[in-house]
Structures are given as C-alpha cells and as structure tokens.
Amino acid sequence: MQWKLFADIAERAGTDAVAVRLDGDDPTVGDALDALLETYPALRERVLVDGEPESRDGIAPDVNVLLDGADVFTTADGLATEVSEGAELALFPPVSGG
C-alpha cells in the first residue's frame, strides 16, 4: 500500500512517498494511517487533532485524506473505508494559488 504525501506533510516526513504493509483481514484507511504514523511519528501532530468532530475521525480540518483520488470523508466511510492491496492513499493540505 502506498501513501503519497504533499506540501508540508511531505517535508515533515522527509519523503513524498511511503509504502506501508497492512496485516490482517479487511484493512482500512485508518489501519494504513496508523501504519504511516507509526513509521513517521512526527506526522502525528500535523495530521491528528484532539476534539475534532466525529465526521473527521480526529483528522485535522486542513488535511485531506484521499483513496484512489477520492476524499474518504465525502465519498466513502472515512477512516473505516476498506482498502485493497493496490490502493493509492494521499495526505495533503488544501492548496491555493494565484
């Protein structure tokens, strides 16, 4: 399973791509995120926020979590969304330009 990291999230990790291995049946986006944060604990304070609404599963409001290009909080079941072996996950803050 591959995570793509963008902007300041990639800077904190020191890389823009991270492969994680998930064990067990029916892994979820949350399992993949746990594996990422276990490998890169410095990301925890950037990605997670205490007291966030349940609809965001504790993810900071300025962090997007995508599964195969779709926001897991608007098109799926949030961090409970099941992932397959070849899935591509991404974490990135909103980006604006001018």
N, C-alpha and C. Protein backbone atom coordinates (compact mmCIF):
# COMPACT_ATOMS: atom_id res chain seq x y z
N MET A 1 0.84 -1.16 0.00
CA MET A 1 0.00 0.00 0.00
C MET A 1 0.89 1.23 0.00
N GLN A 2 0.55 2.21 -0.79
CA GLN A 2 1.40 3.39 -0.97
C GLN A 2 0.68 4.65 -0.50
N TRP A 3 1.37 5.44 0.30
CA TRP A 3 0.91 6.77 0.67
C TRP A 3 1.68 7.78 -0.16
N LYS A 4 1.00 8.78 -0.70
CA LYS A 4 1.65 9.93 -1.30
C LYS A 4 1.43 11.10 -0.35
N LEU A 5 2.50 11.83 -0.09
CA LEU A 5 2.45 12.94 0.85
C LEU A 5 2.78 14.23 0.11
N PHE A 6 2.12 15.31 0.47
CA PHE A 6 2.28 16.56 -0.25
C PHE A 6 2.58 17.72 0.69
N ALA A 7 3.21 18.74 0.13
CA ALA A 7 3.48 20.02 0.79
C ALA A 7 4.19 19.82 2.13
N ASP A 8 3.73 20.50 3.19
CA ASP A 8 4.42 20.44 4.48
C ASP A 8 4.37 19.05 5.10
N ILE A 9 3.40 18.24 4.73
CA ILE A 9 3.33 16.87 5.26
C ILE A 9 4.51 16.06 4.72
N ALA A 10 4.81 16.20 3.44
CA ALA A 10 5.97 15.53 2.85
C ALA A 10 7.27 16.06 3.46
N GLU A 11 7.33 17.36 3.71
CA GLU A 11 8.52 17.95 4.31
C GLU A 11 8.78 17.37 5.70
N ARG A 12 7.75 17.22 6.49
CA ARG A 12 7.91 16.65 7.84
C ARG A 12 8.39 15.21 7.80
N ALA A 13 7.90 14.46 6.81
CA ALA A 13 8.30 13.05 6.69
C ALA A 13 9.67 12.92 6.03
N GLY A 14 10.08 13.93 5.28
CA GLY A 14 11.34 13.85 4.56
C GLY A 14 11.23 13.03 3.28
N THR A 15 10.02 12.76 2.85
CA THR A 15 9.78 12.00 1.63
C THR A 15 8.36 12.28 1.14
N ASP A 16 8.13 12.04 -0.14
CA ASP A 16 6.78 12.26 -0.66
C ASP A 16 6.04 10.97 -0.97
N ALA A 17 6.66 9.83 -0.68
CA ALA A 17 6.00 8.53 -0.91
C ALA A 17 6.45 7.55 0.16
N VAL A 18 5.49 6.83 0.72
CA VAL A 18 5.78 5.86 1.78
C VAL A 18 4.97 4.60 1.52
N ALA A 19 5.64 3.47 1.48
CA ALA A 19 4.95 2.19 1.37
C ALA A 19 4.70 1.66 2.77
N VAL A 20 3.49 1.19 3.02
CA VAL A 20 3.17 0.58 4.31
C VAL A 20 2.61 -0.81 4.06
N ARG A 21 2.86 -1.68 5.01
CA ARG A 21 2.35 -3.04 4.92
C ARG A 21 1.24 -3.21 5.96
N LEU A 22 0.13 -3.76 5.50
CA LEU A 22 -1.00 -3.98 6.40
C LEU A 22 -1.25 -5.46 6.55
N ASP A 23 -1.35 -5.90 7.78
CA ASP A 23 -1.65 -7.29 8.06
C ASP A 23 -3.11 -7.42 8.47
N GLY A 24 -3.62 -8.62 8.37
CA GLY A 24 -4.99 -8.86 8.81
C GLY A 24 -5.98 -8.79 7.67
N ASP A 25 -7.20 -9.16 8.00
CA ASP A 25 -8.28 -9.17 7.03
C ASP A 25 -8.94 -7.79 6.96
N ASP A 26 -9.39 -7.43 5.78
CA ASP A 26 -10.16 -6.20 5.56
C ASP A 26 -9.51 -4.95 6.15
N PRO A 27 -8.28 -4.62 5.71
CA PRO A 27 -7.63 -3.41 6.22
C PRO A 27 -8.40 -2.16 5.80
N THR A 28 -8.27 -1.12 6.59
CA THR A 28 -8.98 0.13 6.35
C THR A 28 -7.99 1.28 6.14
N VAL A 29 -8.53 2.41 5.71
CA VAL A 29 -7.72 3.62 5.59
C VAL A 29 -7.12 3.95 6.95
N GLY A 30 -7.88 3.78 8.01
CA GLY A 30 -7.38 4.03 9.36
C GLY A 30 -6.20 3.14 9.72
N ASP A 31 -6.26 1.87 9.32
CA ASP A 31 -5.13 0.96 9.56
C ASP A 31 -3.89 1.45 8.82
N ALA A 32 -4.09 1.88 7.57
CA ALA A 32 -2.97 2.38 6.77
C ALA A 32 -2.40 3.67 7.37
N LEU A 33 -3.28 4.53 7.89
CA LEU A 33 -2.82 5.76 8.54
C LEU A 33 -2.06 5.44 9.81
N ASP A 34 -2.54 4.49 10.60
CA ASP A 34 -1.82 4.07 11.81
C ASP A 34 -0.42 3.58 11.46
N ALA A 35 -0.31 2.79 10.38
CA ALA A 35 1.00 2.27 9.96
C ALA A 35 1.91 3.42 9.53
N LEU A 36 1.37 4.39 8.83
CA LEU A 36 2.16 5.55 8.40
C LEU A 36 2.65 6.33 9.62
N LEU A 37 1.75 6.62 10.56
CA LEU A 37 2.12 7.41 11.73
C LEU A 37 3.05 6.67 12.68
N GLU A 38 3.00 5.35 12.65
CA GLU A 38 3.93 4.56 13.45
C GLU A 38 5.34 4.69 12.87
N THR A 39 5.43 4.73 11.55
CA THR A 39 6.73 4.86 10.88
C THR A 39 7.25 6.29 10.94
N TYR A 40 6.35 7.26 10.84
CA TYR A 40 6.70 8.68 10.86
C TYR A 40 5.92 9.41 11.95
N PRO A 41 6.31 9.23 13.22
CA PRO A 41 5.55 9.83 14.32
C PRO A 41 5.50 11.36 14.28
N ALA A 42 6.45 12.00 13.61
CA ALA A 42 6.43 13.46 13.51
C ALA A 42 5.21 13.96 12.76
N LEU A 43 4.58 13.10 11.98
CA LEU A 43 3.38 13.50 11.24
C LEU A 43 2.15 13.55 12.13
N ARG A 44 2.19 12.86 13.25
CA ARG A 44 1.02 12.76 14.12
C ARG A 44 0.47 14.13 14.52
N GLU A 45 1.33 15.04 14.96
CA GLU A 45 0.85 16.35 15.41
C GLU A 45 0.33 17.21 14.26
N ARG A 46 0.74 16.90 13.04
CA ARG A 46 0.25 17.67 11.87
C ARG A 46 -1.08 17.12 11.35
N VAL A 47 -1.24 15.81 11.42
CA VAL A 47 -2.39 15.14 10.80
C VAL A 47 -3.56 14.98 11.77
N LEU A 48 -3.28 14.70 13.04
CA LEU A 48 -4.34 14.43 14.01
C LEU A 48 -4.60 15.63 14.90
N VAL A 49 -5.85 15.78 15.31
CA VAL A 49 -6.25 16.86 16.21
C VAL A 49 -7.22 16.28 17.23
N ASP A 50 -6.96 16.54 18.51
CA ASP A 50 -7.90 16.12 19.55
C ASP A 50 -9.16 16.97 19.46
N GLY A 51 -10.28 16.35 19.73
CA GLY A 51 -11.53 17.08 19.79
C GLY A 51 -12.17 17.41 18.46
N GLU A 52 -11.67 16.83 17.39
CA GLU A 52 -12.30 17.07 16.08
C GLU A 52 -13.65 16.39 16.02
N PRO A 53 -14.56 16.90 15.22
CA PRO A 53 -15.86 16.25 15.08
C PRO A 53 -15.70 14.81 14.60
N GLU A 54 -16.61 13.96 15.03
CA GLU A 54 -16.54 12.55 14.64
C GLU A 54 -16.52 12.38 13.13
N SER A 55 -17.14 13.29 12.40
CA SER A 55 -17.19 13.15 10.95
C SER A 55 -15.81 13.19 10.32
N ARG A 56 -14.82 13.69 11.03
CA ARG A 56 -13.45 13.75 10.51
C ARG A 56 -12.55 12.73 11.19
N ASP A 57 -13.05 11.89 12.04
CA ASP A 57 -12.28 10.83 12.69
C ASP A 57 -10.99 11.33 13.35
N GLY A 58 -10.99 12.57 13.85
CA GLY A 58 -9.81 13.11 14.52
C GLY A 58 -8.75 13.65 13.59
N ILE A 59 -9.04 13.71 12.29
CA ILE A 59 -8.10 14.25 11.32
C ILE A 59 -8.22 15.78 11.32
N ALA A 60 -7.09 16.46 11.28
CA ALA A 60 -7.09 17.92 11.26
C ALA A 60 -7.95 18.43 10.11
N PRO A 61 -8.68 19.52 10.33
CA PRO A 61 -9.60 20.02 9.30
C PRO A 61 -8.90 20.49 8.03
N ASP A 62 -7.61 20.77 8.11
CA ASP A 62 -6.89 21.23 6.92
C ASP A 62 -6.05 20.13 6.28
N VAL A 63 -6.40 18.88 6.54
CA VAL A 63 -5.72 17.74 5.92
C VAL A 63 -6.74 16.92 5.14
N ASN A 64 -6.46 16.72 3.87
CA ASN A 64 -7.31 15.88 3.03
C ASN A 64 -6.76 14.46 3.01
N VAL A 65 -7.64 13.48 3.09
CA VAL A 65 -7.26 12.06 3.02
C VAL A 65 -7.96 11.48 1.80
N LEU A 66 -7.17 11.05 0.82
CA LEU A 66 -7.73 10.51 -0.41
C LEU A 66 -7.41 9.04 -0.56
N LEU A 67 -8.36 8.32 -1.13
CA LEU A 67 -8.18 6.92 -1.50
C LEU A 67 -8.47 6.84 -2.99
N ASP A 68 -7.45 6.49 -3.75
CA ASP A 68 -7.57 6.42 -5.21
C ASP A 68 -8.19 7.70 -5.77
N GLY A 69 -7.76 8.84 -5.25
CA GLY A 69 -8.17 10.14 -5.76
C GLY A 69 -9.46 10.70 -5.21
N ALA A 70 -10.15 9.98 -4.34
CA ALA A 70 -11.42 10.45 -3.78
C ALA A 70 -11.29 10.70 -2.28
N ASP A 71 -11.88 11.79 -1.82
CA ASP A 71 -11.86 12.16 -0.41
C ASP A 71 -12.65 11.12 0.39
N VAL A 72 -12.01 10.47 1.35
CA VAL A 72 -12.68 9.40 2.10
C VAL A 72 -13.78 9.92 3.01
N PHE A 73 -13.79 11.21 3.30
CA PHE A 73 -14.83 11.76 4.17
C PHE A 73 -16.07 12.21 3.42
N THR A 74 -15.98 12.35 2.10
CA THR A 74 -17.15 12.76 1.33
C THR A 74 -17.68 11.66 0.42
N THR A 75 -16.84 10.71 0.05
CA THR A 75 -17.27 9.68 -0.90
C THR A 75 -17.25 8.27 -0.32
N ALA A 76 -16.80 8.13 0.91
CA ALA A 76 -16.67 6.79 1.49
C ALA A 76 -16.99 6.85 2.98
N ASP A 77 -16.48 5.88 3.72
CA ASP A 77 -16.77 5.76 5.15
C ASP A 77 -15.65 6.30 6.03
N GLY A 78 -14.99 7.35 5.61
CA GLY A 78 -13.92 7.93 6.41
C GLY A 78 -12.79 6.94 6.61
N LEU A 79 -12.22 6.93 7.79
CA LEU A 79 -11.09 6.05 8.07
C LEU A 79 -11.50 4.58 8.14
N ALA A 80 -12.80 4.31 8.20
CA ALA A 80 -13.29 2.92 8.22
C ALA A 80 -13.40 2.33 6.81
N THR A 81 -13.10 3.11 5.80
CA THR A 81 -13.17 2.64 4.41
C THR A 81 -12.15 1.53 4.19
N GLU A 82 -12.60 0.41 3.65
CA GLU A 82 -11.69 -0.70 3.37
C GLU A 82 -10.80 -0.36 2.18
N VAL A 83 -9.57 -0.85 2.22
CA VAL A 83 -8.61 -0.62 1.14
C VAL A 83 -8.11 -1.95 0.60
N SER A 84 -7.79 -1.95 -0.68
CA SER A 84 -7.23 -3.15 -1.31
C SER A 84 -5.72 -2.99 -1.44
N GLU A 85 -5.05 -4.07 -1.75
CA GLU A 85 -3.59 -4.10 -1.81
C GLU A 85 -3.01 -3.03 -2.73
N GLY A 86 -3.60 -2.78 -3.86
CA GLY A 86 -3.03 -1.83 -4.81
C GLY A 86 -3.52 -0.41 -4.65
N ALA A 87 -4.19 -0.12 -3.56
CA ALA A 87 -4.77 1.21 -3.37
C ALA A 87 -3.69 2.27 -3.23
N GLU A 88 -4.03 3.48 -3.68
CA GLU A 88 -3.15 4.62 -3.50
C GLU A 88 -3.82 5.60 -2.55
N LEU A 89 -3.12 5.92 -1.49
CA LEU A 89 -3.61 6.84 -0.47
C LEU A 89 -2.81 8.13 -0.54
N ALA A 90 -3.43 9.23 -0.16
CA ALA A 90 -2.72 10.51 -0.18
C ALA A 90 -3.15 11.37 0.99
N LEU A 91 -2.19 12.14 1.50
CA LEU A 91 -2.42 13.14 2.55
C LEU A 91 -1.92 14.47 2.03
N PHE A 92 -2.77 15.48 2.03
CA PHE A 92 -2.28 16.79 1.64
C PHE A 92 -3.15 17.89 2.21
N PRO A 93 -2.53 19.04 2.46
CA PRO A 93 -3.29 20.21 2.90
C PRO A 93 -3.92 20.87 1.68
N PRO A 94 -4.95 21.68 1.89
CA PRO A 94 -5.52 22.42 0.76
C PRO A 94 -4.45 23.31 0.14
N VAL A 95 -4.50 23.43 -1.16
CA VAL A 95 -3.51 24.23 -1.88
C VAL A 95 -4.25 25.30 -2.66
N SER A 96 -3.74 26.51 -2.57
CA SER A 96 -4.34 27.58 -3.36
C SER A 96 -3.24 28.28 -4.14
N GLY A 97 -3.63 28.92 -5.15
CA GLY A 97 -2.64 29.61 -5.98
C GLY A 97 -3.24 30.86 -6.57
N GLY A 98 -2.42 31.56 -7.28
CA GLY A 98 -2.93 32.79 -7.84
C GLY A 98 -2.32 33.09 -9.16
